[in-house]
Amino acid sequence: MSHDKPLKSAFELAMEKLRHSDRQSGEETRALTAQQKKRIAALRQAAEAKLAEIEILHRGKRAEAASDAAALEKLEEHYAIDRRRVQSKLESDIARVRSGKKPAD
């Protein structure tokens, strides 16, 4: 067994598989323009700010509901839902920018 090529990490192998499946499905990855990169950075920054806002509000509500286990559990569920909503919106907005479409506001 020759060791001419260095072994690839699991990440590198996964990325190769993804690139291969993208080529087969016709979704070639292309370089982002400077404007797209700027827009994606702005979207990420806005999402981080929204997540920070949600975190701050959550901490305050948690302190108020500390003695009520049922209310605390419900509060945690709403917190997780709010975080997933923001992250999901960010992912869809980034996908729109990458495809050349304007993200939904």
N, C-alpha and C. Protein backbone atom coordinates (compact mmCIF):
# COMPACT_ATOMS: atom_id res chain seq x y z
N MET A 1 0.86 -1.18 0.00
CA MET A 1 0.00 0.00 0.00
C MET A 1 0.90 1.23 0.00
N SER A 2 0.76 2.07 -0.98
CA SER A 2 1.61 3.26 -1.04
C SER A 2 0.91 4.43 -0.35
N HIS A 3 1.70 5.29 0.19
CA HIS A 3 1.18 6.45 0.93
C HIS A 3 1.58 7.74 0.23
N ASP A 4 1.34 7.79 -1.08
CA ASP A 4 1.67 8.97 -1.85
C ASP A 4 0.78 10.15 -1.47
N LYS A 5 -0.49 9.85 -1.22
CA LYS A 5 -1.44 10.90 -0.87
C LYS A 5 -1.72 10.85 0.62
N PRO A 6 -1.82 12.00 1.25
CA PRO A 6 -2.17 11.99 2.68
C PRO A 6 -3.63 11.54 2.86
N LEU A 7 -3.90 10.94 3.98
CA LEU A 7 -5.26 10.50 4.28
C LEU A 7 -6.17 11.71 4.45
N LYS A 8 -7.40 11.53 4.03
CA LYS A 8 -8.37 12.63 4.13
C LYS A 8 -9.17 12.48 5.42
N SER A 9 -9.53 13.63 5.96
CA SER A 9 -10.35 13.62 7.18
C SER A 9 -11.79 13.28 6.81
N ALA A 10 -12.58 12.95 7.81
CA ALA A 10 -13.99 12.66 7.58
C ALA A 10 -14.69 13.87 6.98
N PHE A 11 -14.29 15.06 7.41
CA PHE A 11 -14.87 16.29 6.88
C PHE A 11 -14.59 16.42 5.39
N GLU A 12 -13.33 16.20 5.01
CA GLU A 12 -12.96 16.31 3.60
C GLU A 12 -13.71 15.30 2.74
N LEU A 13 -13.85 14.07 3.25
CA LEU A 13 -14.60 13.05 2.52
C LEU A 13 -16.06 13.43 2.37
N ALA A 14 -16.66 13.97 3.43
CA ALA A 14 -18.06 14.39 3.39
C ALA A 14 -18.24 15.53 2.39
N MET A 15 -17.32 16.48 2.39
CA MET A 15 -17.41 17.60 1.45
C MET A 15 -17.29 17.12 0.00
N GLU A 16 -16.42 16.15 -0.24
CA GLU A 16 -16.30 15.60 -1.59
C GLU A 16 -17.61 14.94 -2.03
N LYS A 17 -18.23 14.21 -1.12
CA LYS A 17 -19.51 13.57 -1.43
C LYS A 17 -20.57 14.62 -1.75
N LEU A 18 -20.61 15.69 -0.95
CA LEU A 18 -21.59 16.75 -1.19
C LEU A 18 -21.36 17.43 -2.53
N ARG A 19 -20.10 17.71 -2.85
CA ARG A 19 -19.79 18.34 -4.13
C ARG A 19 -20.20 17.43 -5.29
N HIS A 20 -19.93 16.14 -5.12
CA HIS A 20 -20.29 15.17 -6.16
C HIS A 20 -21.81 15.13 -6.34
N SER A 21 -22.56 15.09 -5.25
CA SER A 21 -24.02 15.04 -5.37
C SER A 21 -24.56 16.36 -5.93
N ASP A 22 -23.92 17.49 -5.60
CA ASP A 22 -24.33 18.77 -6.17
C ASP A 22 -24.12 18.78 -7.68
N ARG A 23 -22.99 18.24 -8.13
CA ARG A 23 -22.72 18.19 -9.57
C ARG A 23 -23.75 17.32 -10.28
N GLN A 24 -24.12 16.21 -9.65
CA GLN A 24 -25.08 15.30 -10.27
C GLN A 24 -26.48 15.92 -10.32
N SER A 25 -26.82 16.72 -9.33
CA SER A 25 -28.15 17.33 -9.31
C SER A 25 -28.17 18.66 -10.05
N GLY A 26 -27.04 19.09 -10.58
CA GLY A 26 -26.98 20.33 -11.34
C GLY A 26 -26.82 21.57 -10.50
N GLU A 27 -26.48 21.41 -9.24
CA GLU A 27 -26.31 22.55 -8.34
C GLU A 27 -24.83 22.84 -8.10
N GLU A 28 -24.16 23.24 -9.14
CA GLU A 28 -22.75 23.58 -9.01
C GLU A 28 -22.59 24.76 -8.05
N THR A 29 -21.60 24.66 -7.22
CA THR A 29 -21.33 25.78 -6.32
C THR A 29 -20.49 26.80 -7.08
N ARG A 30 -20.86 28.04 -6.94
CA ARG A 30 -20.10 29.09 -7.60
C ARG A 30 -19.69 30.11 -6.54
N ALA A 31 -18.64 30.82 -6.86
CA ALA A 31 -18.10 31.79 -5.91
C ALA A 31 -19.11 32.91 -5.68
N LEU A 32 -19.18 33.35 -4.45
CA LEU A 32 -20.07 34.45 -4.12
C LEU A 32 -19.46 35.78 -4.54
N THR A 33 -20.32 36.69 -4.93
CA THR A 33 -19.85 38.03 -5.27
C THR A 33 -19.59 38.79 -3.97
N ALA A 34 -18.90 39.89 -4.08
CA ALA A 34 -18.64 40.72 -2.90
C ALA A 34 -19.94 41.22 -2.29
N GLN A 35 -20.90 41.55 -3.14
CA GLN A 35 -22.20 42.03 -2.65
C GLN A 35 -22.94 40.92 -1.90
N GLN A 36 -22.88 39.68 -2.41
CA GLN A 36 -23.53 38.57 -1.74
C GLN A 36 -22.89 38.30 -0.38
N LYS A 37 -21.55 38.35 -0.34
CA LYS A 37 -20.85 38.14 0.93
C LYS A 37 -21.23 39.21 1.95
N LYS A 38 -21.34 40.43 1.46
CA LYS A 38 -21.71 41.55 2.33
C LYS A 38 -23.13 41.36 2.88
N ARG A 39 -24.04 40.95 2.01
CA ARG A 39 -25.44 40.74 2.40
C ARG A 39 -25.55 39.57 3.39
N ILE A 40 -24.81 38.49 3.16
CA ILE A 40 -24.83 37.35 4.07
C ILE A 40 -24.27 37.75 5.43
N ALA A 41 -23.20 38.54 5.45
CA ALA A 41 -22.63 39.01 6.71
C ALA A 41 -23.64 39.86 7.47
N ALA A 42 -24.36 40.71 6.75
CA ALA A 42 -25.38 41.55 7.38
C ALA A 42 -26.52 40.70 7.93
N LEU A 43 -26.92 39.66 7.19
CA LEU A 43 -27.97 38.76 7.67
C LEU A 43 -27.54 38.03 8.94
N ARG A 44 -26.29 37.57 8.94
CA ARG A 44 -25.78 36.86 10.12
C ARG A 44 -25.70 37.79 11.33
N GLN A 45 -25.28 39.01 11.09
CA GLN A 45 -25.18 39.98 12.18
C GLN A 45 -26.57 40.29 12.75
N ALA A 46 -27.54 40.45 11.88
CA ALA A 46 -28.91 40.73 12.33
C ALA A 46 -29.47 39.53 13.11
N ALA A 47 -29.17 38.32 12.65
CA ALA A 47 -29.64 37.13 13.35
C ALA A 47 -28.98 37.01 14.72
N GLU A 48 -27.68 37.30 14.80
CA GLU A 48 -26.98 37.27 16.09
C GLU A 48 -27.59 38.28 17.06
N ALA A 49 -27.92 39.45 16.56
CA ALA A 49 -28.54 40.48 17.40
C ALA A 49 -29.90 40.01 17.89
N LYS A 50 -30.68 39.40 17.01
CA LYS A 50 -32.00 38.91 17.39
C LYS A 50 -31.88 37.79 18.41
N LEU A 51 -30.92 36.89 18.23
CA LEU A 51 -30.69 35.81 19.19
C LEU A 51 -30.26 36.37 20.55
N ALA A 52 -29.44 37.40 20.54
CA ALA A 52 -29.01 38.04 21.79
C ALA A 52 -30.21 38.67 22.50
N GLU A 53 -31.06 39.31 21.73
CA GLU A 53 -32.28 39.91 22.30
C GLU A 53 -33.17 38.84 22.93
N ILE A 54 -33.34 37.74 22.21
CA ILE A 54 -34.16 36.63 22.73
C ILE A 54 -33.54 36.08 24.01
N GLU A 55 -32.23 35.95 24.04
CA GLU A 55 -31.52 35.44 25.22
C GLU A 55 -31.73 36.35 26.43
N ILE A 56 -31.60 37.64 26.22
CA ILE A 56 -31.76 38.61 27.32
C ILE A 56 -33.18 38.55 27.87
N LEU A 57 -34.16 38.56 26.98
CA LEU A 57 -35.55 38.48 27.42
C LEU A 57 -35.83 37.16 28.14
N HIS A 58 -35.24 36.10 27.63
CA HIS A 58 -35.43 34.78 28.23
C HIS A 58 -34.87 34.74 29.66
N ARG A 59 -33.70 35.31 29.85
CA ARG A 59 -33.10 35.32 31.20
C ARG A 59 -33.99 36.05 32.20
N GLY A 60 -34.56 37.17 31.77
CA GLY A 60 -35.45 37.93 32.65
C GLY A 60 -36.70 37.14 33.01
N LYS A 61 -37.29 36.49 32.01
CA LYS A 61 -38.50 35.71 32.26
C LYS A 61 -38.19 34.48 33.11
N ARG A 62 -37.00 33.92 32.93
CA ARG A 62 -36.59 32.76 33.72
C ARG A 62 -36.47 33.10 35.18
N ALA A 63 -35.92 34.26 35.44
CA ALA A 63 -35.77 34.70 36.84
C ALA A 63 -37.14 34.86 37.49
N GLU A 64 -38.11 35.36 36.73
CA GLU A 64 -39.46 35.54 37.26
C GLU A 64 -40.16 34.21 37.52
N ALA A 65 -39.90 33.22 36.66
CA ALA A 65 -40.60 31.94 36.74
C ALA A 65 -39.79 30.87 37.45
N ALA A 66 -38.75 31.24 38.15
CA ALA A 66 -37.85 30.27 38.77
C ALA A 66 -38.54 29.33 39.74
N SER A 67 -39.58 29.79 40.41
CA SER A 67 -40.23 28.96 41.41
C SER A 67 -41.35 28.08 40.84
N ASP A 68 -41.73 28.28 39.59
CA ASP A 68 -42.81 27.51 38.97
C ASP A 68 -42.24 26.60 37.88
N ALA A 69 -42.13 25.31 38.21
CA ALA A 69 -41.51 24.36 37.30
C ALA A 69 -42.26 24.25 35.97
N ALA A 70 -43.58 24.24 36.01
CA ALA A 70 -44.37 24.12 34.78
C ALA A 70 -44.18 25.34 33.89
N ALA A 71 -44.19 26.52 34.49
CA ALA A 71 -43.99 27.75 33.72
C ALA A 71 -42.58 27.80 33.15
N LEU A 72 -41.62 27.32 33.93
CA LEU A 72 -40.22 27.31 33.48
C LEU A 72 -40.05 26.37 32.28
N GLU A 73 -40.71 25.22 32.33
CA GLU A 73 -40.63 24.27 31.23
C GLU A 73 -41.25 24.86 29.96
N LYS A 74 -42.39 25.49 30.10
CA LYS A 74 -43.06 26.12 28.96
C LYS A 74 -42.19 27.25 28.39
N LEU A 75 -41.57 28.00 29.28
CA LEU A 75 -40.70 29.10 28.88
C LEU A 75 -39.51 28.57 28.07
N GLU A 76 -38.94 27.46 28.52
CA GLU A 76 -37.80 26.85 27.80
C GLU A 76 -38.22 26.38 26.42
N GLU A 77 -39.42 25.83 26.30
CA GLU A 77 -39.93 25.39 25.00
C GLU A 77 -40.07 26.56 24.04
N HIS A 78 -40.65 27.65 24.54
CA HIS A 78 -40.82 28.85 23.70
C HIS A 78 -39.46 29.43 23.30
N TYR A 79 -38.53 29.39 24.21
CA TYR A 79 -37.18 29.90 23.93
C TYR A 79 -36.54 29.08 22.80
N ALA A 80 -36.64 27.76 22.88
CA ALA A 80 -36.07 26.90 21.84
C ALA A 80 -36.75 27.14 20.50
N ILE A 81 -38.06 27.31 20.51
CA ILE A 81 -38.80 27.57 19.27
C ILE A 81 -38.37 28.90 18.66
N ASP A 82 -38.23 29.93 19.49
CA ASP A 82 -37.81 31.25 19.00
C ASP A 82 -36.43 31.19 18.37
N ARG A 83 -35.51 30.47 19.02
CA ARG A 83 -34.15 30.34 18.49
C ARG A 83 -34.16 29.61 17.15
N ARG A 84 -34.90 28.50 17.08
CA ARG A 84 -34.97 27.74 15.82
C ARG A 84 -35.59 28.58 14.71
N ARG A 85 -36.58 29.39 15.04
CA ARG A 85 -37.24 30.24 14.05
C ARG A 85 -36.23 31.23 13.45
N VAL A 86 -35.44 31.86 14.31
CA VAL A 86 -34.44 32.83 13.84
C VAL A 86 -33.38 32.13 12.99
N GLN A 87 -32.91 30.98 13.45
CA GLN A 87 -31.88 30.25 12.71
C GLN A 87 -32.40 29.74 11.37
N SER A 88 -33.63 29.28 11.35
CA SER A 88 -34.23 28.80 10.11
C SER A 88 -34.39 29.94 9.10
N LYS A 89 -34.83 31.09 9.59
CA LYS A 89 -34.98 32.25 8.71
C LYS A 89 -33.62 32.66 8.15
N LEU A 90 -32.60 32.64 9.00
CA LEU A 90 -31.26 32.99 8.54
C LEU A 90 -30.81 32.03 7.44
N GLU A 91 -30.99 30.74 7.65
CA GLU A 91 -30.58 29.76 6.65
C GLU A 91 -31.32 29.96 5.32
N SER A 92 -32.62 30.20 5.39
CA SER A 92 -33.37 30.39 4.14
C SER A 92 -32.98 31.70 3.45
N ASP A 93 -32.73 32.76 4.24
CA ASP A 93 -32.30 34.02 3.64
C ASP A 93 -30.93 33.88 2.98
N ILE A 94 -30.02 33.15 3.62
CA ILE A 94 -28.69 32.93 3.04
C ILE A 94 -28.81 32.12 1.75
N ALA A 95 -29.68 31.11 1.75
CA ALA A 95 -29.88 30.31 0.53
C ALA A 95 -30.42 31.18 -0.60
N ARG A 96 -31.32 32.10 -0.27
CA ARG A 96 -31.86 33.01 -1.29
C ARG A 96 -30.75 33.90 -1.86
N VAL A 97 -29.91 34.44 -0.98
CA VAL A 97 -28.82 35.31 -1.45
C VAL A 97 -27.88 34.51 -2.34
N ARG A 98 -27.55 33.30 -1.92
CA ARG A 98 -26.64 32.46 -2.71
C ARG A 98 -27.21 32.15 -4.10
N SER A 99 -28.54 32.01 -4.17
CA SER A 99 -29.16 31.70 -5.46
C SER A 99 -29.38 32.94 -6.32
N GLY A 100 -29.06 34.10 -5.75
CA GLY A 100 -29.21 35.33 -6.51
C GLY A 100 -30.52 36.05 -6.29
N LYS A 101 -31.34 35.53 -5.38
CA LYS A 101 -32.62 36.16 -5.08
C LYS A 101 -32.47 37.05 -3.87
N LYS A 102 -33.40 37.98 -3.73
CA LYS A 102 -33.40 38.87 -2.57
C LYS A 102 -34.05 38.14 -1.40
N PRO A 103 -33.42 38.18 -0.20
CA PRO A 103 -34.02 37.51 0.95
C PRO A 103 -35.31 38.18 1.38
N ALA A 104 -36.22 37.38 1.93
CA ALA A 104 -37.49 37.91 2.43
C ALA A 104 -37.23 38.70 3.70
N ASP A 105 -37.85 39.85 3.82
CA ASP A 105 -37.66 40.65 5.03
C ASP A 105 -38.78 40.54 5.99
